[in-house]
């Protein structure tokens, strides 16, 4: 199964990009490879889990997924939804869930996880030259926006979110002695380049939060203040690179502004967040109006507000008109902006609350594992505080559930942490015998 996961990582990082019409290095159907791999994972999880009785999946997760399944089924029934949109919605909402259960039945060891992290690092570094190339080539043909700088991830915002998450894990590895400090500095600067040239504004807010959380959580209790100052130093360096690059590309560009104006001018900030888009139009919506839209549209029908309009019923589909939702014309300009908006429209307030509760349970397990496990999974759990923050806030920033690189990865490593938490509970001791101690872990150190 470890080799299969290597294939999954390659697929989520490359399939959509290489099969994109603008690149066209692989046939268009290759973009469905992650979906196919997800189906195979479902089969494996059911077969292996049935033999093991899913003993490493805690009861709380069965309860939350059961409640979420109930909420998801109610929407289509209440709205008498057609089969096509349901199939399309199931593809987007459910395909990442099997990866959460996979670690509980496949038993990946620290060596397997280390190789996966190195593979993710290699793909993260690939984004640097590719992002620079995309920025230069776009400028050459008159495209001045950084939105077209997407790396291999098909969206500039998703690219930045992924790299911020990678930096969070790198911080924990460095502070726990698994990554050399010199290597960390080099990798930090390299991964900062794509985030600078794609001009994603969320970097200004999210990178400081994620990095500070990972640094402080990974530091020994008596050194947290000193480590916090170190994190601030890295953020100052990041700002010294990001701000001038952002301002350089936006200088004199009509409709664009420098990052200082965005942060200090409330009018510019409000204009960016709230574009006053109207229902039933193709007007580009801002993030504030996208958050308000589900409540304004569904408030008159409490049942639909609670259970939503049904899976995929407010979305369009590349599979054909028969898979496009009934309410797509009304709400698509809002749904395509944020994952949280898509959730509110299609699985309702109940389903959205359960998703956020699921995120909270994962965070609690990460806090426990990070405190009690000195091995690789414990280190990953500490860095996962930054990852969790990035992904959870990302729900309010982009449609991250549509991108396998974030959804598959987040739920797989969430499953790794939840599985280790259950192992610790069942063993009745803080550290399982299979977890290497620091002297053994030192052999895995990079740099």
Protein backbone atom coordinates (compact mmCIF):
# COMPACT_ATOMS: atom_id res chain seq x y z
CA UNK A 1 0.00 0.00 0.00
CA UNK A 2 2.95 2.33 0.56
CA UNK A 3 3.74 2.28 -3.16
CA UNK A 4 0.11 2.93 -3.96
CA UNK A 5 0.26 6.04 -1.77
CA UNK A 6 3.31 7.24 -3.69
CA UNK A 7 1.18 6.96 -6.83
CA UNK A 8 -1.62 8.90 -5.11
CA UNK A 9 0.78 11.70 -4.18
CA UNK A 10 2.07 11.94 -7.74
CA UNK A 11 -1.50 11.93 -9.07
CA UNK A 12 -2.82 14.69 -6.82
CA UNK A 13 0.23 16.85 -7.49
CA UNK A 14 0.45 16.39 -11.27
CA UNK A 15 -2.64 14.83 -12.90
CA UNK A 16 -4.79 17.96 -13.21
CA UNK A 17 -1.86 20.11 -14.38
CA UNK A 18 -0.42 17.73 -16.97
CA UNK A 19 -3.87 17.00 -18.45
CA UNK A 20 -4.90 20.67 -18.57
CA UNK A 21 -5.59 21.87 -22.16
CA UNK A 22 -3.06 24.67 -21.73
CA UNK A 23 -0.31 22.13 -20.94
CA UNK A 24 -1.66 19.05 -22.74
CA UNK A 25 1.19 16.70 -21.87
CA UNK A 26 -1.27 13.94 -20.97
CA UNK A 27 -4.78 13.12 -22.27
CA UNK A 28 -7.65 15.04 -20.64
CA UNK A 29 -9.16 11.95 -18.89
CA UNK A 30 -6.00 11.71 -16.75
CA UNK A 31 -7.49 14.43 -14.53
CA UNK A 32 -9.87 11.76 -13.21
CA UNK A 33 -6.98 9.56 -12.01
CA UNK A 34 -7.26 10.78 -8.37
CA UNK A 35 -10.96 9.88 -8.41
CA UNK A 36 -10.15 6.39 -9.67
CA UNK A 37 -7.51 5.94 -6.99
CA UNK A 38 -10.03 7.06 -4.37
CA UNK A 39 -12.45 4.35 -5.52
CA UNK A 40 -9.70 1.74 -5.18
CA UNK A 41 -8.94 3.03 -1.68
CA UNK A 42 -12.62 2.63 -0.76
CA UNK A 43 -12.50 -1.03 -1.80
CA UNK A 44 -9.28 -1.63 0.12
CA UNK A 45 -10.49 0.14 3.26
CA UNK A 46 -13.75 -1.82 3.33
CA UNK A 47 -11.98 -5.15 2.75
CA UNK A 48 -9.08 -4.62 5.18
CA UNK A 49 -11.18 -2.77 7.74
CA UNK A 50 -13.79 -5.52 7.86
CA UNK A 51 -11.09 -8.06 8.74
CA UNK A 52 -9.67 -5.81 11.45
CA UNK A 53 -13.08 -4.50 12.60
CA UNK A 54 -11.63 -0.98 12.28
CA UNK A 55 -10.26 -1.32 15.80
CA UNK A 56 -7.99 1.73 15.34
CA UNK A 57 -10.86 4.07 14.44
CA UNK A 58 -12.19 5.77 17.55
CA UNK A 59 -15.94 5.67 18.23
CA UNK A 60 -16.19 9.47 18.12
CA UNK A 61 -15.31 9.42 14.43
CA UNK A 62 -17.95 6.80 13.64
CA UNK A 63 -20.52 9.00 15.39
CA UNK A 64 -19.52 12.17 13.57
CA UNK A 65 -19.33 10.50 10.15
CA UNK A 66 -22.66 8.80 10.80
CA UNK A 67 -24.29 12.12 11.67
CA UNK A 68 -22.67 13.70 8.61
CA UNK A 69 -24.02 10.91 6.39
CA UNK A 70 -27.51 11.51 7.76
CA UNK A 71 -27.23 15.27 7.09
CA UNK A 72 -25.91 14.69 3.57
CA UNK A 73 -28.75 12.29 2.69
CA UNK A 74 -31.49 14.61 3.91
CA UNK A 75 -30.70 17.42 1.45
CA UNK A 76 -31.39 15.47 -1.77
CA UNK A 77 -34.55 13.91 -0.28
CA UNK A 78 -36.01 17.23 0.86
CA UNK A 79 -35.25 18.92 -2.46
CA UNK A 80 -36.23 15.91 -4.65
CA UNK A 81 -32.87 16.25 -6.34
CA UNK A 82 -32.04 14.53 -9.63
CA UNK A 83 -29.48 11.71 -9.66
CA UNK A 84 -26.93 13.52 -11.84
CA UNK A 85 -26.13 16.41 -9.45
CA UNK A 86 -26.00 13.95 -6.55
CA UNK A 87 -23.30 11.93 -8.33
CA UNK A 88 -21.37 15.09 -9.10
CA UNK A 89 -21.69 16.27 -5.50
CA UNK A 90 -20.60 12.90 -4.11
CA UNK A 91 -17.48 13.13 -6.22
CA UNK A 92 -16.44 16.45 -4.69
CA UNK A 93 -17.56 15.88 -1.11
CA UNK A 94 -16.81 12.22 -0.42
CA UNK A 95 -13.76 11.24 -2.47
CA UNK A 96 -11.21 12.36 0.16
CA UNK A 97 -12.92 10.62 3.12
CA UNK A 98 -11.49 7.10 2.45
CA UNK A 99 -7.98 8.49 2.95
CA UNK A 100 -8.87 9.30 6.55
CA UNK A 101 -9.56 5.62 7.28
CA UNK A 102 -6.65 4.25 5.26
CA UNK A 103 -3.93 4.67 7.95
CA UNK A 104 -6.09 2.75 10.43
CA UNK A 105 -6.15 -0.36 8.23
CA UNK A 106 -2.87 -0.13 6.27
CA UNK A 107 -0.46 0.50 9.18
CA UNK A 108 2.14 2.84 7.68
CA UNK A 109 5.36 3.00 9.72
CA UNK A 110 7.62 5.99 10.29
CA UNK A 111 9.86 5.09 7.37
CA UNK A 112 6.87 5.08 5.01
CA UNK A 113 5.70 8.45 6.29
CA UNK A 114 9.17 9.91 6.01
CA UNK A 115 9.36 8.92 2.33
CA UNK A 116 5.93 10.45 1.70
CA UNK A 117 7.00 13.72 3.32
CA UNK A 118 10.14 13.79 1.18
CA UNK A 119 8.06 13.22 -1.94
CA UNK A 120 5.78 16.11 -0.95
CA UNK A 121 8.86 18.25 -0.36
CA UNK A 122 10.17 17.44 -3.84
CA UNK A 123 6.88 18.52 -5.41
CA UNK A 124 6.85 21.63 -3.22
CA UNK A 125 10.26 22.62 -4.54
CA UNK A 126 9.06 22.01 -8.09
CA UNK A 127 6.58 24.86 -7.61
CA UNK A 128 9.42 27.39 -7.34
CA UNK A 129 10.87 27.29 -10.88
CA UNK A 130 7.45 26.57 -12.37
CA UNK A 131 5.86 29.59 -10.63
CA UNK A 132 8.68 31.87 -11.78
CA UNK A 133 8.33 30.56 -15.34
CA UNK A 134 4.55 31.10 -15.27
CA UNK A 135 4.95 34.64 -13.99
CA UNK A 136 7.52 35.57 -16.67
CA UNK A 137 5.60 33.90 -19.51
CA UNK A 138 2.32 35.52 -18.44
CA UNK A 139 3.93 38.95 -18.29
CA UNK A 140 5.29 38.39 -21.79
CA UNK A 141 1.76 37.98 -23.19
CA UNK A 142 0.26 40.85 -21.18
CA UNK A 143 -1.23 38.97 -18.20
CA UNK A 144 -0.31 41.13 -15.22
CA UNK A 145 -2.23 39.33 -12.49
CA UNK A 146 -0.60 36.75 -10.26
CA UNK A 147 -3.80 34.68 -10.35
CA UNK A 148 -2.38 32.76 -13.32
CA UNK A 149 0.65 31.64 -11.28
CA UNK A 150 -0.68 28.28 -10.14
CA UNK A 151 2.29 25.92 -10.11
CA UNK A 152 0.94 22.41 -10.64
CA UNK A 153 -2.06 23.03 -8.38
CA UNK A 154 -4.40 24.83 -10.80
CA UNK A 155 -5.13 27.73 -8.42
CA UNK A 156 -2.88 30.44 -7.03
CA UNK A 157 -4.60 30.49 -3.63
CA UNK A 158 -4.37 26.72 -3.26
CA UNK A 159 -0.68 26.91 -4.19
CA UNK A 160 -0.04 29.37 -1.35
CA UNK A 161 -2.11 27.37 1.16
CA UNK A 162 -0.22 24.19 0.34
CA UNK A 163 3.18 25.85 0.70
CA UNK A 164 2.20 27.46 4.02
CA UNK A 165 1.17 24.01 5.26
CA UNK A 166 4.50 22.60 4.06
CA UNK A 167 6.38 25.31 5.96
CA UNK A 168 4.44 24.45 9.11
CA UNK A 169 5.54 20.82 8.97
CA UNK A 170 9.11 21.84 8.12
CA UNK A 171 9.17 24.07 11.21
CA UNK A 172 8.23 21.18 13.49
CA UNK A 173 10.78 18.87 11.84
CA UNK A 174 13.51 21.47 12.34
CA UNK A 175 12.67 22.22 15.97
CA UNK A 176 12.41 18.50 16.80
CA UNK A 177 15.84 17.83 15.29
CA UNK A 178 14.71 16.02 12.14
CA UNK A 179 15.66 18.76 9.69
CA UNK A 180 18.88 20.76 9.81
CA UNK A 181 18.57 24.47 10.51
CA UNK A 182 20.57 25.42 7.41
CA UNK A 183 18.35 23.23 5.25
CA UNK A 184 15.27 24.77 6.84
CA UNK A 185 16.45 28.29 6.00
CA UNK A 186 17.18 27.32 2.40
CA UNK A 187 13.84 25.54 1.95
CA UNK A 188 11.96 28.39 3.64
CA UNK A 189 13.37 30.94 1.20
CA UNK A 190 12.74 28.70 -1.82
CA UNK A 191 9.11 28.00 -0.90
CA UNK A 192 8.55 31.68 -0.27
CA UNK A 193 9.25 32.51 -3.93
CA UNK A 194 6.02 31.05 -5.42
CA UNK A 195 3.94 32.77 -2.72
CA UNK A 196 5.58 36.08 -3.58
CA UNK A 197 5.17 35.97 -7.35
CA UNK A 198 1.55 34.81 -7.28
CA UNK A 199 0.50 37.77 -5.09
CA UNK A 200 -1.90 35.80 -2.89
CA UNK A 201 -2.99 38.24 -0.19
CA UNK A 202 -3.93 35.53 2.30
CA UNK A 203 -0.19 34.89 2.73
CA UNK A 204 0.09 38.13 4.70
CA UNK A 205 -2.38 36.86 7.30
CA UNK A 206 -2.05 33.09 7.25
CA UNK A 207 1.71 32.57 7.08
CA UNK A 208 2.37 34.42 10.39
CA UNK A 209 -0.40 32.52 12.18
CA UNK A 210 0.62 29.07 10.90
CA UNK A 211 4.35 29.60 11.40
CA UNK A 212 4.02 31.01 14.92
CA UNK A 213 1.74 28.15 15.95
CA UNK A 214 4.12 25.50 14.63
CA UNK A 215 7.22 27.13 16.13
CA UNK A 216 5.74 27.66 19.59
CA UNK A 217 4.06 24.23 19.73
CA UNK A 218 7.25 22.41 18.69
CA UNK A 219 9.50 24.27 21.13
CA UNK A 220 10.39 22.92 24.58
CA UNK A 221 8.28 24.69 27.25
CA UNK A 222 11.22 26.65 28.66
CA UNK A 223 12.33 27.90 25.24
CA UNK A 224 9.02 28.94 23.74
CA UNK A 225 9.65 32.65 24.12
CA UNK A 226 13.04 32.39 22.39
CA UNK A 227 11.61 30.18 19.65
CA UNK A 228 8.75 32.63 19.21
CA UNK A 229 11.29 35.39 18.56
CA UNK A 230 12.97 33.13 15.99
CA UNK A 231 9.65 32.69 14.24
CA UNK A 232 9.16 36.45 14.17
CA UNK A 233 12.61 36.81 12.61
CA UNK A 234 11.66 34.42 9.81
CA UNK A 235 8.43 36.36 9.29
CA UNK A 236 10.36 39.62 9.01
CA UNK A 237 12.55 38.01 6.35
CA UNK A 238 9.44 36.74 4.58
CA UNK A 239 7.89 40.21 4.65
CA UNK A 240 11.10 41.76 3.32
CA UNK A 241 10.78 39.48 0.29
CA UNK A 242 7.01 39.28 -0.19
CA UNK A 243 6.09 42.97 0.11
CA UNK A 244 8.61 44.41 -2.40
CA UNK A 245 7.85 41.67 -4.95
CA UNK A 246 4.09 42.20 -4.56
CA UNK A 247 4.43 45.97 -4.90
CA UNK A 248 6.74 45.67 -7.90
CA UNK A 249 4.26 43.63 -9.91
CA UNK A 250 1.29 45.84 -9.00
CA UNK A 251 2.96 49.20 -9.49
CA UNK A 252 1.00 51.22 -12.03
CA UNK A 253 -1.40 48.38 -12.87
CA UNK A 254 -5.00 49.69 -13.23
CA UNK A 255 -7.32 48.33 -10.57
CA UNK A 256 -4.46 46.91 -8.47
CA UNK A 257 -2.96 48.29 -5.27
CA UNK A 258 0.16 47.87 -3.21
CA UNK A 259 0.06 45.59 -0.21
CA UNK A 260 0.46 48.50 2.24
CA UNK A 261 -2.70 50.11 0.85
CA UNK A 262 -4.57 46.82 1.17
CA UNK A 263 -3.60 46.50 4.82
CA UNK A 264 -4.14 50.13 5.84
CA UNK A 265 -6.91 51.36 3.54
CA UNK A 266 -10.25 50.03 4.80
CA UNK A 267 -11.99 51.09 1.58
CA UNK A 268 -9.68 48.93 -0.55
CA UNK A 269 -10.05 46.02 1.85
CA UNK A 270 -13.85 46.27 1.86
CA UNK A 271 -13.91 46.48 -1.95
CA UNK A 272 -11.83 43.30 -2.16
CA UNK A 273 -13.98 41.40 0.35
CA UNK A 274 -17.45 42.60 -0.68
CA UNK A 275 -18.26 43.12 -4.37
CA UNK A 276 -22.03 43.37 -3.96
CA UNK A 277 -22.64 40.48 -6.35
CA UNK A 278 -26.29 39.64 -7.00
CA UNK A 279 -28.08 36.30 -7.08
CA UNK A 280 -28.68 34.84 -10.53
CA UNK A 281 -25.89 36.78 -12.23
CA UNK A 282 -22.38 35.95 -13.35
CA UNK A 283 -20.93 38.81 -11.31
CA UNK A 284 -17.76 37.90 -9.45
CA UNK A 285 -18.56 37.63 -5.75
CA UNK A 286 -16.34 38.74 -2.91
CA UNK A 287 -15.71 36.65 0.15
CA UNK A 288 -18.00 38.64 2.43
CA UNK A 289 -20.98 38.48 0.08
CA UNK A 290 -20.27 34.78 -0.51
CA UNK A 291 -20.53 34.15 3.22
CA UNK A 292 -23.79 36.08 3.51
CA UNK A 293 -25.42 34.60 0.41
CA UNK A 294 -26.49 31.19 1.83
CA UNK A 295 -28.14 32.75 4.87
CA UNK A 296 -29.95 35.41 2.84
CA UNK A 297 -31.06 32.92 0.18
CA UNK A 298 -32.22 30.12 2.50
CA UNK A 299 -33.36 32.02 5.59
CA UNK A 300 -37.03 31.95 4.48
CA UNK A 301 -37.02 28.14 4.50
CA UNK A 302 -35.59 26.85 7.81
CA UNK A 303 -35.57 23.25 6.57
CA UNK A 304 -33.38 24.12 3.57
CA UNK A 305 -31.20 26.32 5.76
CA UNK A 306 -30.54 23.34 8.05
CA UNK A 307 -30.17 20.59 5.43
CA UNK A 308 -29.17 22.58 2.33
CA UNK A 309 -30.21 22.25 -1.29
CA UNK A 310 -28.60 18.84 -1.79
CA UNK A 311 -25.18 17.57 -2.88
CA UNK A 312 -24.09 19.30 -6.08
CA UNK A 313 -27.43 21.05 -6.50
CA UNK A 314 -25.88 24.54 -6.64
CA UNK A 315 -22.81 23.52 -8.66
CA UNK A 316 -21.93 23.03 -12.28
CA UNK A 317 -20.27 19.92 -13.67
CA UNK A 318 -17.76 19.25 -16.41
CA UNK A 319 -19.48 15.89 -16.94
CA UNK A 320 -22.46 17.45 -18.72
CA UNK A 321 -25.67 19.39 -18.16
CA UNK A 322 -27.44 16.38 -16.62
CA UNK A 323 -24.94 16.51 -13.74
CA UNK A 324 -25.33 20.26 -13.17
CA UNK A 325 -27.41 21.33 -10.18
CA UNK A 326 -30.87 22.86 -10.41
CA UNK A 327 -29.75 25.98 -8.52
CA UNK A 328 -26.50 26.49 -10.38
CA UNK A 329 -27.75 29.56 -12.30
CA UNK A 330 -28.80 31.26 -9.08
CA UNK A 331 -25.89 30.61 -6.74
CA UNK A 332 -22.86 29.42 -8.71
CA UNK A 333 -21.05 32.77 -8.58
CA UNK A 334 -21.06 32.42 -4.77
CA UNK A 335 -20.42 28.67 -4.55
CA UNK A 336 -17.26 28.84 -6.67
CA UNK A 337 -15.64 31.29 -4.22
CA UNK A 338 -15.50 29.44 -0.89
CA UNK A 339 -15.77 25.88 0.37
CA UNK A 340 -17.79 27.06 3.36
CA UNK A 341 -20.32 28.70 1.02
CA UNK A 342 -20.63 25.52 -1.02
CA UNK A 343 -21.17 23.55 2.20
CA UNK A 344 -23.86 25.94 3.47
CA UNK A 345 -25.75 25.86 0.19
CA UNK A 346 -25.49 22.12 -0.48
CA UNK A 347 -25.27 20.32 2.89
CA UNK A 348 -26.81 23.06 5.01
CA UNK A 349 -26.02 24.51 8.39
CA UNK A 350 -26.14 21.07 10.02
CA UNK A 351 -23.70 19.45 7.59
CA UNK A 352 -21.34 22.43 7.72
CA UNK A 353 -21.34 22.39 11.53
CA UNK A 354 -20.49 18.68 11.50
CA UNK A 355 -17.59 19.26 9.10
CA UNK A 356 -16.19 21.94 11.40
CA UNK A 357 -16.70 19.64 14.41
CA UNK A 358 -14.75 16.95 12.55
CA UNK A 359 -11.92 19.42 12.05
CA UNK A 360 -12.03 20.18 15.77
CA UNK A 361 -11.72 16.49 16.69
CA UNK A 362 -8.68 16.17 14.45
CA UNK A 363 -7.12 19.20 16.15
CA UNK A 364 -7.65 17.67 19.60
CA UNK A 365 -5.99 14.43 18.51
CA UNK A 366 -3.08 16.38 17.01
CA UNK A 367 -2.55 18.24 20.30
CA UNK A 368 -2.53 14.97 22.24
CA UNK A 369 -0.23 13.09 19.87
CA UNK A 370 2.15 16.04 19.61
CA UNK A 371 2.48 16.07 23.40
CA UNK A 372 2.81 12.33 24.05
CA UNK A 373 4.61 10.92 21.00
CA UNK A 374 8.28 11.89 20.44
CA UNK A 375 8.43 9.98 17.16
CA UNK A 376 7.81 11.15 13.61
CA UNK A 377 4.03 11.13 13.94
CA UNK A 378 4.30 13.25 17.07
CA UNK A 379 6.49 15.73 15.22
CA UNK A 380 4.05 15.74 12.31
CA UNK A 381 1.20 16.36 14.77
CA UNK A 382 2.97 19.41 16.17
CA UNK A 383 3.46 20.84 12.68
CA UNK A 384 -0.11 19.89 11.95
CA UNK A 385 -1.33 22.74 14.13
CA UNK A 386 -0.19 25.08 11.35
CA UNK A 387 -1.59 22.75 8.69
CA UNK A 388 -4.94 22.52 10.47
CA UNK A 389 -5.13 26.29 10.80
CA UNK A 390 -4.25 26.75 7.13
CA UNK A 391 -6.85 24.27 5.88
CA UNK A 392 -9.62 25.32 8.27
CA UNK A 393 -9.21 29.03 7.52
CA UNK A 394 -8.83 28.00 3.87
CA UNK A 395 -12.44 26.82 3.92
CA UNK A 396 -13.36 30.51 4.26
CA UNK A 397 -10.88 31.59 1.59
CA UNK A 398 -11.08 29.19 -1.38
CA UNK A 399 -12.92 26.11 -2.65
CA UNK A 400 -10.27 23.79 -1.28
CA UNK A 401 -12.57 20.73 -1.30
CA UNK A 402 -12.34 20.82 -5.11
CA UNK A 403 -8.55 20.39 -5.09
CA UNK A 404 -7.20 16.93 -4.37
CA UNK A 405 -3.78 18.25 -3.38
CA UNK A 406 -5.29 19.76 -0.23
CA UNK A 407 -8.31 17.57 0.48
CA UNK A 408 -6.65 14.15 -0.06
CA UNK A 409 -3.49 15.19 1.78
CA UNK A 410 -5.27 16.78 4.73
CA UNK A 411 -7.55 13.83 5.39
CA UNK A 412 -4.81 11.22 4.94
CA UNK A 413 -2.49 12.83 7.48
CA UNK A 414 -5.47 13.55 9.73
CA UNK A 415 -6.09 9.81 9.63
CA UNK A 416 -2.43 9.13 10.48
CA UNK A 417 -2.72 11.32 13.58
CA UNK A 418 -6.13 9.95 14.62
CA UNK A 419 -4.82 6.40 14.26
CA UNK A 420 -1.78 7.12 16.41
CA UNK A 421 -4.04 8.71 19.04
CA UNK A 422 -6.09 5.52 19.17
CA UNK A 423 -2.93 3.40 19.38
CA UNK A 424 -1.81 5.43 22.37
CA UNK A 425 -5.19 4.99 24.02
CA UNK A 426 -5.30 1.23 23.45
CA UNK A 427 -1.75 0.64 24.58
CA UNK A 428 -2.41 2.40 27.92
CA UNK A 429 1.07 3.89 27.76
CA UNK A 430 2.23 7.21 26.36
CA UNK A 431 4.63 5.92 23.70
CA UNK A 432 4.06 2.69 21.73
CA UNK A 433 7.07 0.40 21.38
CA UNK A 434 7.03 0.83 17.60
CA UNK A 435 7.69 4.57 17.91
CA UNK A 436 11.42 5.39 17.68
CA UNK A 437 13.01 7.51 20.40
CA UNK A 438 15.08 10.59 19.70
CA UNK A 439 18.44 8.75 19.27
CA UNK A 440 16.90 6.57 16.57
CA UNK A 441 15.11 9.54 15.03
CA UNK A 442 18.42 11.38 14.77
CA UNK A 443 19.47 8.91 12.07
CA UNK A 444 16.64 10.24 9.91
CA UNK A 445 17.81 13.80 10.24
CA UNK A 446 18.26 15.77 7.03
CA UNK A 447 21.15 18.24 6.92
